[in-house]
């Protein structure tokens, strides 16, 4: 019986001892500290920005928000945009299409791409792609909403109350 307790105590002692530290980087997902370490990860970030940036049906149906076409289905949300009745409580299709999500992602990439160990010409090309996608999003926002905040860096939630810039002064391509 005493021998049985010795084995239990020995097993517990070995089970509690470990060769590895428990304070490791997350191994099941990417983290800010370890992401920008290769060309593959940089391409992953830029390619991810293309995910959901535009839908072919959205381009086609945006004609319904102008005098070029008409959409008979009010549940799709283009009538509210076309007749100018959309607002914060009835945003129509604008609530899902026109957000700062892609702009925030683009700003995050632009802030961090210099950390990546990639060739200068590839970095220049990827930076131009990201700036173009960000400019496209700002074009959408400015067309529908007029004056919108021009945000060119990643903001914390407490800093997100940014005044709108006049749409005529938004010069995305120079930034």
N, C-alpha and C. Protein backbone atom coordinates (compact mmCIF):
# COMPACT_ATOMS: atom_id res chain seq x y z
N UNK A 1 0.82 -1.18 0.00
CA UNK A 1 0.00 0.00 0.00
C UNK A 1 0.87 1.26 0.00
N UNK A 2 1.94 1.23 0.80
CA UNK A 2 2.86 2.36 0.87
C UNK A 2 3.53 2.58 -0.48
N UNK A 3 3.83 1.50 -1.16
CA UNK A 3 4.46 1.57 -2.47
C UNK A 3 3.53 2.26 -3.48
N UNK A 4 2.24 1.99 -3.38
CA UNK A 4 1.24 2.59 -4.26
C UNK A 4 1.23 4.12 -4.08
N UNK A 5 1.31 4.60 -2.84
CA UNK A 5 1.34 6.03 -2.57
C UNK A 5 2.61 6.68 -3.09
N UNK A 6 3.72 5.95 -3.03
CA UNK A 6 4.98 6.48 -3.56
C UNK A 6 4.87 6.72 -5.06
N UNK A 7 4.25 5.76 -5.76
CA UNK A 7 4.07 5.92 -7.21
C UNK A 7 3.13 7.08 -7.54
N UNK A 8 2.11 7.26 -6.76
CA UNK A 8 1.17 8.36 -6.98
C UNK A 8 1.87 9.70 -6.76
N UNK A 9 2.64 9.81 -5.70
CA UNK A 9 3.37 11.04 -5.40
C UNK A 9 4.41 11.31 -6.49
N UNK A 10 5.11 10.28 -6.94
CA UNK A 10 6.09 10.43 -8.01
C UNK A 10 5.42 10.87 -9.31
N UNK A 11 4.28 10.29 -9.64
CA UNK A 11 3.56 10.66 -10.86
C UNK A 11 3.08 12.11 -10.80
N UNK A 12 2.59 12.53 -9.64
CA UNK A 12 2.15 13.93 -9.46
C UNK A 12 3.32 14.88 -9.60
N UNK A 13 4.44 14.56 -9.02
CA UNK A 13 5.62 15.42 -9.09
C UNK A 13 6.12 15.54 -10.52
N UNK A 14 6.14 14.45 -11.26
CA UNK A 14 6.57 14.50 -12.66
C UNK A 14 5.55 15.23 -13.53
N UNK A 15 4.29 15.08 -13.19
CA UNK A 15 3.24 15.76 -13.95
C UNK A 15 3.26 17.25 -13.77
N UNK A 16 3.64 17.73 -12.62
CA UNK A 16 3.68 19.16 -12.36
C UNK A 16 4.94 19.82 -12.89
N UNK A 17 5.99 19.06 -13.06
CA UNK A 17 7.24 19.59 -13.60
C UNK A 17 7.14 19.61 -15.12
N UNK A 18 7.67 20.65 -15.73
CA UNK A 18 7.60 20.76 -17.18
C UNK A 18 8.92 21.30 -17.71
N UNK A 19 9.25 20.90 -18.91
CA UNK A 19 10.48 21.36 -19.54
C UNK A 19 10.27 22.68 -20.28
N UNK A 20 9.02 23.02 -20.61
CA UNK A 20 8.75 24.22 -21.39
C UNK A 20 8.05 25.26 -20.53
N UNK A 21 8.33 26.50 -20.85
CA UNK A 21 7.66 27.60 -20.16
C UNK A 21 6.21 27.68 -20.64
N UNK A 22 5.33 28.03 -19.77
CA UNK A 22 3.93 28.15 -20.15
C UNK A 22 3.62 29.48 -20.80
N UNK A 23 4.53 30.44 -20.69
CA UNK A 23 4.32 31.75 -21.28
C UNK A 23 4.88 31.77 -22.70
N UNK A 24 4.14 31.18 -23.64
CA UNK A 24 4.56 31.14 -25.04
C UNK A 24 3.63 32.01 -25.86
N UNK A 25 4.10 32.38 -27.04
CA UNK A 25 3.25 33.10 -27.97
C UNK A 25 2.09 32.19 -28.34
N UNK A 26 0.95 32.75 -28.72
CA UNK A 26 -0.15 31.88 -29.15
C UNK A 26 0.29 31.03 -30.34
N UNK A 27 0.16 29.74 -30.21
CA UNK A 27 0.59 28.83 -31.27
C UNK A 27 -0.54 28.50 -32.24
N UNK A 28 -1.77 28.87 -31.90
CA UNK A 28 -2.91 28.53 -32.74
C UNK A 28 -3.39 29.70 -33.59
N UNK A 29 -2.76 30.88 -33.48
CA UNK A 29 -3.17 32.04 -34.27
C UNK A 29 -1.98 33.01 -34.37
N UNK A 30 -2.13 33.96 -35.29
CA UNK A 30 -1.09 34.96 -35.48
C UNK A 30 -1.23 36.05 -34.42
N UNK A 31 -0.12 36.69 -34.09
CA UNK A 31 -0.16 37.78 -33.12
C UNK A 31 0.58 38.98 -33.69
N UNK A 32 0.34 40.13 -33.13
CA UNK A 32 1.00 41.36 -33.56
C UNK A 32 2.52 41.26 -33.46
N UNK A 33 3.00 40.59 -32.43
CA UNK A 33 4.43 40.52 -32.19
C UNK A 33 5.18 39.64 -33.19
N UNK A 34 4.50 38.65 -33.74
CA UNK A 34 5.19 37.67 -34.57
C UNK A 34 4.73 37.67 -36.03
N UNK A 35 3.89 38.60 -36.43
CA UNK A 35 3.30 38.49 -37.77
C UNK A 35 4.21 38.93 -38.90
N UNK A 36 4.79 40.08 -38.85
CA UNK A 36 5.52 40.66 -39.99
C UNK A 36 6.95 40.11 -40.08
N UNK A 37 7.09 38.79 -40.18
CA UNK A 37 8.42 38.19 -40.19
C UNK A 37 8.81 37.56 -41.51
N UNK A 38 7.90 37.54 -42.50
CA UNK A 38 8.24 36.93 -43.78
C UNK A 38 7.46 37.57 -44.92
N UNK A 39 7.93 37.31 -46.12
CA UNK A 39 7.23 37.79 -47.31
C UNK A 39 5.86 37.14 -47.42
N UNK A 40 5.78 35.88 -47.07
CA UNK A 40 4.51 35.15 -47.14
C UNK A 40 3.45 35.81 -46.25
N UNK A 41 3.82 36.20 -45.05
CA UNK A 41 2.86 36.83 -44.15
C UNK A 41 2.44 38.21 -44.66
N UNK A 42 3.36 38.93 -45.26
CA UNK A 42 3.03 40.24 -45.81
C UNK A 42 2.06 40.10 -46.97
N UNK A 43 2.31 39.15 -47.84
CA UNK A 43 1.38 38.89 -48.94
C UNK A 43 0.02 38.43 -48.42
N UNK A 44 0.03 37.67 -47.34
CA UNK A 44 -1.19 37.22 -46.69
C UNK A 44 -2.02 38.42 -46.21
N UNK A 45 -1.37 39.39 -45.61
CA UNK A 45 -2.07 40.58 -45.11
C UNK A 45 -2.68 41.39 -46.25
N UNK A 46 -1.91 41.62 -47.30
CA UNK A 46 -2.41 42.42 -48.42
C UNK A 46 -3.51 41.67 -49.17
N UNK A 47 -3.33 40.39 -49.37
CA UNK A 47 -4.37 39.60 -50.03
C UNK A 47 -5.65 39.59 -49.21
N UNK A 48 -5.52 39.55 -47.91
CA UNK A 48 -6.69 39.60 -47.03
C UNK A 48 -7.46 40.90 -47.16
N UNK A 49 -6.78 41.97 -47.52
CA UNK A 49 -7.47 43.25 -47.71
C UNK A 49 -8.42 43.20 -48.90
N UNK A 50 -8.11 42.38 -49.88
CA UNK A 50 -8.99 42.24 -51.04
C UNK A 50 -10.27 41.47 -50.70
N UNK A 51 -10.26 40.71 -49.62
CA UNK A 51 -11.43 39.93 -49.24
C UNK A 51 -12.58 40.85 -48.85
N UNK A 52 -13.63 40.86 -49.65
CA UNK A 52 -14.81 41.64 -49.35
C UNK A 52 -14.72 43.11 -49.70
N UNK A 53 -13.67 43.53 -50.40
CA UNK A 53 -13.54 44.96 -50.70
C UNK A 53 -14.57 45.40 -51.73
N UNK A 54 -15.01 44.50 -52.58
CA UNK A 54 -16.02 44.85 -53.58
C UNK A 54 -16.73 43.60 -54.06
N UNK A 55 -17.95 43.77 -54.44
CA UNK A 55 -18.74 42.68 -54.98
C UNK A 55 -19.27 43.13 -56.34
N UNK A 56 -19.20 42.25 -57.31
CA UNK A 56 -19.67 42.60 -58.65
C UNK A 56 -21.14 43.00 -58.66
N UNK A 57 -21.95 42.32 -57.86
CA UNK A 57 -23.37 42.69 -57.82
C UNK A 57 -23.56 44.07 -57.20
N UNK A 58 -22.70 44.44 -56.25
CA UNK A 58 -22.79 45.77 -55.66
C UNK A 58 -22.51 46.84 -56.72
N UNK A 59 -21.52 46.62 -57.55
CA UNK A 59 -21.20 47.60 -58.59
C UNK A 59 -22.39 47.73 -59.53
N UNK A 60 -22.96 46.61 -59.93
CA UNK A 60 -24.11 46.63 -60.84
C UNK A 60 -25.31 47.32 -60.20
N UNK A 61 -25.61 46.96 -58.97
CA UNK A 61 -26.79 47.49 -58.30
C UNK A 61 -26.62 48.93 -57.83
N UNK A 62 -25.41 49.44 -57.75
CA UNK A 62 -25.26 50.84 -57.36
C UNK A 62 -25.86 51.77 -58.41
N UNK A 63 -26.08 51.28 -59.63
CA UNK A 63 -26.83 52.07 -60.61
C UNK A 63 -28.25 52.34 -60.13
N UNK A 64 -28.76 51.46 -59.28
CA UNK A 64 -30.11 51.65 -58.73
C UNK A 64 -30.14 52.80 -57.72
N UNK A 65 -29.00 53.24 -57.30
CA UNK A 65 -28.93 54.38 -56.38
C UNK A 65 -28.81 55.68 -57.15
N UNK A 66 -28.87 55.61 -58.46
CA UNK A 66 -28.79 56.80 -59.30
C UNK A 66 -30.01 56.84 -60.21
N UNK A 67 -30.00 57.72 -61.18
CA UNK A 67 -31.11 57.77 -62.12
C UNK A 67 -30.88 56.85 -63.32
N UNK A 68 -29.85 56.02 -63.29
CA UNK A 68 -29.57 55.10 -64.38
C UNK A 68 -30.45 53.86 -64.35
N UNK A 69 -30.93 53.49 -63.18
CA UNK A 69 -31.66 52.24 -63.04
C UNK A 69 -32.65 52.36 -61.89
N UNK A 70 -33.42 51.31 -61.68
CA UNK A 70 -34.40 51.29 -60.60
C UNK A 70 -34.42 49.89 -59.99
N UNK A 71 -34.58 49.82 -58.71
CA UNK A 71 -34.68 48.55 -58.00
C UNK A 71 -36.04 48.50 -57.33
N UNK A 72 -36.83 47.49 -57.68
CA UNK A 72 -38.19 47.36 -57.14
C UNK A 72 -38.24 46.74 -55.75
N UNK A 73 -37.12 46.28 -55.25
CA UNK A 73 -37.11 45.55 -53.99
C UNK A 73 -36.52 46.42 -52.89
N UNK A 74 -37.40 46.99 -52.08
CA UNK A 74 -36.93 47.92 -51.05
C UNK A 74 -36.08 47.23 -49.99
N UNK A 75 -36.25 45.92 -49.82
CA UNK A 75 -35.47 45.21 -48.80
C UNK A 75 -33.99 45.13 -49.16
N UNK A 76 -33.63 45.34 -50.41
CA UNK A 76 -32.22 45.32 -50.80
C UNK A 76 -31.50 46.61 -50.43
N UNK A 77 -32.24 47.66 -50.15
CA UNK A 77 -31.65 48.87 -49.61
C UNK A 77 -31.13 49.89 -50.61
N UNK A 78 -31.34 49.69 -51.90
CA UNK A 78 -30.83 50.65 -52.87
C UNK A 78 -31.81 51.80 -53.11
N UNK A 79 -33.11 51.57 -52.89
CA UNK A 79 -34.08 52.65 -53.05
C UNK A 79 -33.82 53.79 -52.08
N UNK A 80 -33.47 53.44 -50.84
CA UNK A 80 -33.21 54.48 -49.84
C UNK A 80 -32.02 55.35 -50.25
N UNK A 81 -31.02 54.72 -50.84
CA UNK A 81 -29.86 55.49 -51.29
C UNK A 81 -30.24 56.33 -52.50
N UNK A 82 -30.95 55.73 -53.44
CA UNK A 82 -31.33 56.43 -54.68
C UNK A 82 -32.23 57.62 -54.47
N UNK A 83 -33.19 57.51 -53.56
CA UNK A 83 -34.11 58.63 -53.36
C UNK A 83 -33.68 59.56 -52.23
N UNK A 84 -32.53 59.29 -51.63
CA UNK A 84 -31.98 60.18 -50.62
C UNK A 84 -32.63 60.07 -49.25
N UNK A 85 -33.36 58.99 -49.00
CA UNK A 85 -34.05 58.86 -47.71
C UNK A 85 -33.27 58.04 -46.69
N UNK A 86 -32.06 57.62 -47.03
CA UNK A 86 -31.32 56.83 -46.06
C UNK A 86 -30.76 57.73 -44.97
N UNK A 87 -30.72 57.20 -43.76
CA UNK A 87 -30.26 57.92 -42.58
C UNK A 87 -29.75 56.89 -41.58
N UNK A 88 -29.25 57.30 -40.43
CA UNK A 88 -28.70 56.32 -39.49
C UNK A 88 -29.69 55.24 -39.05
N UNK A 89 -30.99 55.55 -39.00
CA UNK A 89 -31.96 54.53 -38.60
C UNK A 89 -32.50 53.75 -39.78
N UNK A 90 -32.31 54.24 -41.00
CA UNK A 90 -32.74 53.54 -42.21
C UNK A 90 -31.63 53.66 -43.24
N UNK A 91 -30.51 52.94 -43.03
CA UNK A 91 -29.34 53.15 -43.87
C UNK A 91 -29.40 52.48 -45.24
N UNK A 92 -30.41 51.67 -45.48
CA UNK A 92 -30.45 50.97 -46.75
C UNK A 92 -29.24 50.06 -46.90
N UNK A 93 -28.71 49.98 -48.08
CA UNK A 93 -27.56 49.12 -48.35
C UNK A 93 -26.26 49.72 -47.83
N UNK A 94 -26.28 50.99 -47.46
CA UNK A 94 -25.06 51.67 -47.03
C UNK A 94 -24.50 51.10 -45.73
N UNK A 95 -25.34 50.50 -44.90
CA UNK A 95 -24.84 50.02 -43.60
C UNK A 95 -23.87 48.86 -43.75
N UNK A 96 -24.07 48.02 -44.74
CA UNK A 96 -23.18 46.88 -44.89
C UNK A 96 -22.03 47.17 -45.85
N UNK A 97 -22.20 48.10 -46.74
CA UNK A 97 -21.21 48.36 -47.78
C UNK A 97 -20.21 49.44 -47.38
N UNK A 98 -20.64 50.45 -46.72
CA UNK A 98 -19.80 51.62 -46.52
C UNK A 98 -19.41 51.76 -45.06
N UNK A 99 -18.35 51.08 -44.70
CA UNK A 99 -17.82 51.16 -43.34
C UNK A 99 -16.33 51.48 -43.44
N UNK A 100 -15.72 51.68 -42.30
CA UNK A 100 -14.29 51.96 -42.24
C UNK A 100 -13.47 50.69 -42.01
N UNK A 101 -14.07 49.53 -42.13
CA UNK A 101 -13.36 48.28 -41.87
C UNK A 101 -12.14 48.13 -42.77
N UNK A 102 -12.33 48.29 -44.08
CA UNK A 102 -11.20 48.14 -45.01
C UNK A 102 -10.20 49.28 -44.86
N UNK A 103 -10.67 50.46 -44.54
CA UNK A 103 -9.76 51.59 -44.33
C UNK A 103 -8.88 51.31 -43.12
N UNK A 104 -9.47 50.77 -42.06
CA UNK A 104 -8.69 50.44 -40.86
C UNK A 104 -7.66 49.35 -41.17
N UNK A 105 -8.09 48.33 -41.91
CA UNK A 105 -7.14 47.26 -42.29
C UNK A 105 -6.00 47.82 -43.13
N UNK A 106 -6.34 48.69 -44.08
CA UNK A 106 -5.31 49.28 -44.95
C UNK A 106 -4.33 50.11 -44.13
N UNK A 107 -4.85 50.90 -43.20
CA UNK A 107 -3.97 51.70 -42.35
C UNK A 107 -3.05 50.82 -41.51
N UNK A 108 -3.58 49.71 -41.01
CA UNK A 108 -2.77 48.79 -40.20
C UNK A 108 -1.64 48.21 -41.05
N UNK A 109 -1.95 47.83 -42.28
CA UNK A 109 -0.91 47.28 -43.17
C UNK A 109 0.14 48.34 -43.47
N UNK A 110 -0.29 49.55 -43.79
CA UNK A 110 0.66 50.62 -44.11
C UNK A 110 1.55 50.97 -42.93
N UNK A 111 1.03 50.86 -41.73
CA UNK A 111 1.83 51.15 -40.53
C UNK A 111 2.86 50.06 -40.25
N UNK A 112 2.60 48.84 -40.69
CA UNK A 112 3.44 47.71 -40.32
C UNK A 112 4.26 47.10 -41.45
N UNK A 113 4.02 47.48 -42.68
CA UNK A 113 4.69 46.82 -43.81
C UNK A 113 6.21 47.03 -43.78
N UNK A 114 6.66 48.12 -43.16
CA UNK A 114 8.10 48.35 -43.08
C UNK A 114 8.81 47.35 -42.17
N UNK A 115 8.08 46.66 -41.31
CA UNK A 115 8.66 45.64 -40.43
C UNK A 115 9.01 44.37 -41.20
N UNK A 116 8.36 44.17 -42.34
CA UNK A 116 8.50 42.92 -43.09
C UNK A 116 9.84 42.88 -43.84
N UNK A 117 10.52 41.73 -43.82
CA UNK A 117 11.78 41.58 -44.54
C UNK A 117 11.53 41.20 -46.01
N UNK A 118 11.07 42.17 -46.80
CA UNK A 118 10.78 41.91 -48.21
C UNK A 118 11.55 42.90 -49.07
N UNK A 119 11.65 42.58 -50.35
CA UNK A 119 12.37 43.42 -51.30
C UNK A 119 11.70 44.78 -51.43
N UNK A 120 12.49 45.80 -51.71
CA UNK A 120 11.99 47.17 -51.78
C UNK A 120 10.95 47.34 -52.89
N UNK A 121 11.17 46.70 -54.05
CA UNK A 121 10.21 46.85 -55.14
C UNK A 121 8.87 46.18 -54.81
N UNK A 122 8.91 45.04 -54.13
CA UNK A 122 7.67 44.38 -53.72
C UNK A 122 6.95 45.23 -52.66
N UNK A 123 7.70 45.78 -51.73
CA UNK A 123 7.11 46.63 -50.69
C UNK A 123 6.45 47.86 -51.32
N UNK A 124 7.10 48.43 -52.34
CA UNK A 124 6.54 49.59 -53.03
C UNK A 124 5.24 49.22 -53.74
N UNK A 125 5.23 48.08 -54.40
CA UNK A 125 4.03 47.64 -55.12
C UNK A 125 2.88 47.35 -54.16
N UNK A 126 3.16 46.63 -53.06
CA UNK A 126 2.11 46.30 -52.10
C UNK A 126 1.58 47.55 -51.42
N UNK A 127 2.45 48.50 -51.12
CA UNK A 127 2.01 49.75 -50.52
C UNK A 127 1.08 50.49 -51.48
N UNK A 128 1.41 50.50 -52.76
CA UNK A 128 0.55 51.16 -53.76
C UNK A 128 -0.80 50.46 -53.86
N UNK A 129 -0.82 49.13 -53.80
CA UNK A 129 -2.09 48.40 -53.84
C UNK A 129 -2.96 48.77 -52.66
N UNK A 130 -2.37 48.78 -51.48
CA UNK A 130 -3.13 49.07 -50.26
C UNK A 130 -3.67 50.50 -50.30
N UNK A 131 -2.85 51.45 -50.74
CA UNK A 131 -3.32 52.84 -50.83
C UNK A 131 -4.44 52.99 -51.85
N UNK A 132 -4.38 52.23 -52.94
CA UNK A 132 -5.42 52.28 -53.95
C UNK A 132 -6.74 51.74 -53.40
N UNK A 133 -6.69 50.62 -52.70
CA UNK A 133 -7.91 50.08 -52.11
C UNK A 133 -8.49 51.02 -51.06
N UNK A 134 -7.64 51.65 -50.29
CA UNK A 134 -8.12 52.63 -49.30
C UNK A 134 -8.76 53.83 -50.00
N UNK A 135 -8.15 54.30 -51.08
CA UNK A 135 -8.71 55.42 -51.83
C UNK A 135 -10.05 55.07 -52.43
N UNK A 136 -10.19 53.85 -52.91
CA UNK A 136 -11.47 53.39 -53.47
C UNK A 136 -12.56 53.43 -52.41
N UNK A 137 -12.25 52.98 -51.20
CA UNK A 137 -13.22 53.02 -50.10
C UNK A 137 -13.60 54.46 -49.78
N UNK A 138 -12.62 55.36 -49.75
CA UNK A 138 -12.92 56.76 -49.49
C UNK A 138 -13.77 57.36 -50.61
N UNK A 139 -13.54 56.95 -51.84
CA UNK A 139 -14.36 57.42 -52.95
C UNK A 139 -15.81 57.01 -52.73
N UNK A 140 -16.05 55.75 -52.37
CA UNK A 140 -17.41 55.30 -52.08
C UNK A 140 -18.04 56.13 -50.97
N UNK A 141 -17.30 56.34 -49.89
CA UNK A 141 -17.84 57.10 -48.77
C UNK A 141 -18.14 58.55 -49.17
N UNK A 142 -17.23 59.17 -49.90
CA UNK A 142 -17.42 60.56 -50.29
C UNK A 142 -18.57 60.73 -51.28
N UNK A 143 -18.76 59.76 -52.18
CA UNK A 143 -19.86 59.84 -53.14
C UNK A 143 -21.20 59.80 -52.42
N UNK A 144 -21.34 58.89 -51.48
CA UNK A 144 -22.63 58.75 -50.81
C UNK A 144 -22.85 59.71 -49.66
N UNK A 145 -21.82 59.98 -48.89
CA UNK A 145 -22.02 60.74 -47.67
C UNK A 145 -21.44 62.15 -47.73
N UNK A 146 -20.71 62.47 -48.78
CA UNK A 146 -20.12 63.80 -48.87
C UNK A 146 -18.91 63.92 -47.96
N UNK A 147 -19.01 64.78 -46.97
CA UNK A 147 -17.90 65.00 -46.05
C UNK A 147 -17.77 63.83 -45.08
N UNK A 148 -16.62 63.19 -45.08
CA UNK A 148 -16.35 62.05 -44.20
C UNK A 148 -15.01 62.27 -43.50
N UNK A 149 -14.82 61.66 -42.35
CA UNK A 149 -13.52 61.76 -41.68
C UNK A 149 -12.43 61.08 -42.51
N UNK A 150 -11.31 61.75 -42.65
CA UNK A 150 -10.15 61.20 -43.34
C UNK A 150 -9.22 60.63 -42.28
N UNK A 151 -9.16 59.31 -42.21
CA UNK A 151 -8.36 58.63 -41.20
C UNK A 151 -7.22 57.90 -41.90
N UNK A 152 -5.99 58.27 -41.58
CA UNK A 152 -4.83 57.69 -42.26
C UNK A 152 -3.94 56.91 -41.31
N UNK A 153 -4.43 56.61 -40.12
CA UNK A 153 -3.68 55.78 -39.17
C UNK A 153 -4.68 54.97 -38.36
N UNK A 154 -4.21 53.92 -37.75
CA UNK A 154 -5.07 53.09 -36.92
C UNK A 154 -5.37 53.84 -35.63
N UNK A 155 -6.65 53.93 -35.30
CA UNK A 155 -7.07 54.67 -34.12
C UNK A 155 -7.57 53.73 -33.03
N UNK A 156 -7.34 54.13 -31.80
CA UNK A 156 -7.95 53.43 -30.67
C UNK A 156 -9.41 53.89 -30.58
N UNK A 157 -10.22 53.11 -29.91
CA UNK A 157 -11.64 53.44 -29.80
C UNK A 157 -11.85 54.82 -29.20
N UNK A 158 -11.09 55.16 -28.18
CA UNK A 158 -11.28 56.44 -27.52
C UNK A 158 -10.87 57.63 -28.40
N UNK A 159 -10.11 57.38 -29.47
CA UNK A 159 -9.69 58.45 -30.39
C UNK A 159 -10.51 58.48 -31.67
N UNK A 160 -11.59 57.72 -31.73
CA UNK A 160 -12.30 57.53 -32.99
C UNK A 160 -13.31 58.63 -33.32
N UNK A 161 -13.54 59.57 -32.45
CA UNK A 161 -14.44 60.68 -32.75
C UNK A 161 -13.66 61.73 -33.55
N UNK A 162 -13.63 61.55 -34.86
CA UNK A 162 -12.84 62.40 -35.74
C UNK A 162 -13.79 63.25 -36.56
N UNK A 163 -13.56 64.55 -36.65
CA UNK A 163 -14.45 65.39 -37.46
C UNK A 163 -14.29 65.09 -38.94
N UNK A 164 -15.33 65.37 -39.70
CA UNK A 164 -15.31 65.12 -41.14
C UNK A 164 -14.46 66.16 -41.85
N UNK A 165 -13.79 65.73 -42.91
CA UNK A 165 -13.05 66.62 -43.78
C UNK A 165 -13.97 66.96 -44.95
N UNK A 166 -13.91 68.17 -45.46
CA UNK A 166 -14.69 68.46 -46.67
C UNK A 166 -14.26 67.54 -47.79
N UNK A 167 -15.22 66.95 -48.49
CA UNK A 167 -14.90 65.94 -49.51
C UNK A 167 -14.02 66.51 -50.62
N UNK A 168 -14.11 67.80 -50.88
CA UNK A 168 -13.27 68.38 -51.93
C UNK A 168 -11.80 68.46 -51.52
N UNK A 169 -11.53 68.32 -50.20
CA UNK A 169 -10.14 68.41 -49.75
C UNK A 169 -9.50 67.05 -49.47
N UNK A 170 -10.26 65.98 -49.66
CA UNK A 170 -9.69 64.65 -49.43
C UNK A 170 -8.78 64.31 -50.60
N UNK A 171 -7.52 64.21 -50.31
CA UNK A 171 -6.52 63.89 -51.35
C UNK A 171 -5.80 62.62 -50.92
N UNK A 172 -6.43 61.50 -51.17
CA UNK A 172 -5.92 60.21 -50.74
C UNK A 172 -4.62 59.86 -51.45
N UNK A 173 -4.52 60.18 -52.71
CA UNK A 173 -3.40 59.69 -53.51
C UNK A 173 -2.07 60.31 -53.10
N UNK A 174 -2.06 61.41 -52.41
CA UNK A 174 -0.83 62.06 -52.02
C UNK A 174 -0.32 61.59 -50.68
N UNK A 175 -1.09 60.81 -49.96
CA UNK A 175 -0.68 60.36 -48.63
C UNK A 175 -0.01 59.03 -48.71
